Protein backbone atom coordinates (compact mmCIF):
# COMPACT_ATOMS: atom_id res chain seq x y z
CA UNK A 1 -14.95 4.41 21.69
CA UNK A 2 -15.95 5.46 18.18
CA UNK A 3 -15.09 3.82 14.84
CA UNK A 4 -14.97 5.49 11.61
CA UNK A 5 -15.89 3.17 8.58
CA UNK A 6 -15.52 4.16 4.93
CA UNK A 7 -18.41 3.68 2.55
CA UNK A 8 -17.10 0.20 1.58
CA UNK A 9 -17.55 -0.93 5.16
CA UNK A 10 -13.78 -0.95 6.23
CA UNK A 11 -12.89 0.29 9.49
CA UNK A 12 -10.50 3.34 8.91
CA UNK A 13 -9.99 4.65 12.44
CA UNK A 14 -10.76 4.11 16.11
CA UNK A 15 -10.63 6.63 18.87
CA UNK A 16 -12.30 7.40 22.21
CA UNK A 17 -12.77 11.10 20.98
CA UNK A 18 -15.45 11.57 18.43
CA UNK A 19 -13.92 14.89 17.31
CA UNK A 20 -10.54 12.83 16.40
CA UNK A 21 -12.51 10.58 14.10
CA UNK A 22 -14.02 13.64 12.23
CA UNK A 23 -10.71 15.30 12.07
CA UNK A 24 -9.32 12.01 10.51
CA UNK A 25 -12.11 12.08 7.83
CA UNK A 26 -11.36 15.79 7.10
CA UNK A 27 -7.74 14.81 6.77
CA UNK A 28 -8.21 12.29 4.26
CA UNK A 29 -10.90 14.30 2.44
CA UNK A 30 -13.86 11.80 3.28
CA UNK A 31 -17.07 13.74 2.81
CA UNK A 32 -19.89 13.07 5.14
CA UNK A 33 -21.57 10.91 2.57
CA UNK A 34 -18.43 8.73 2.17
CA UNK A 35 -18.09 7.58 5.87
CA UNK A 36 -20.10 6.60 8.96
CA UNK A 37 -19.24 7.25 12.53
CA UNK A 38 -20.36 4.49 14.90
CA UNK A 39 -20.25 4.49 18.70
CA UNK A 40 -18.54 0.96 19.17
CA UNK A 41 -19.61 0.71 22.89
CA UNK A 42 -23.40 0.96 22.09
CA UNK A 43 -22.93 -1.24 18.98
CA UNK A 44 -21.56 -4.19 20.96
CA UNK A 45 -24.65 -4.33 22.85
CA UNK A 46 -26.96 -4.29 19.54
CA UNK A 47 -24.88 -7.01 18.11
CA UNK A 48 -25.36 -9.23 21.21
CA UNK A 49 -29.17 -8.84 21.16
CA UNK A 50 -29.58 -8.92 17.48
CA UNK A 51 -28.64 -11.84 15.30
CA UNK A 52 -29.47 -10.22 11.97
CA UNK A 53 -25.95 -8.95 11.14
CA UNK A 54 -27.01 -7.02 7.99
CA UNK A 55 -24.04 -5.35 6.28
CA UNK A 56 -25.93 -2.38 5.33
CA UNK A 57 -24.88 0.57 7.23
CA UNK A 58 -27.36 2.96 5.84
CA UNK A 59 -29.03 3.52 9.26
CA UNK A 60 -25.67 4.96 10.74
CA UNK A 61 -24.62 7.11 7.74
CA UNK A 62 -24.27 10.86 8.29
């Protein structure tokens, strides 16, 4: 499952298909510097093992 977040950190779209998330970004003219695409399945494992929930998403930015 993938989540597409805008540069404000707001979840804009969720889908199991990565290409569908990218198509959503293109549809709403979100440039690659204005969104980040995150694999939500992998991130849940990271959150459980990491108590530092820094709001910065720069690491995941395209």
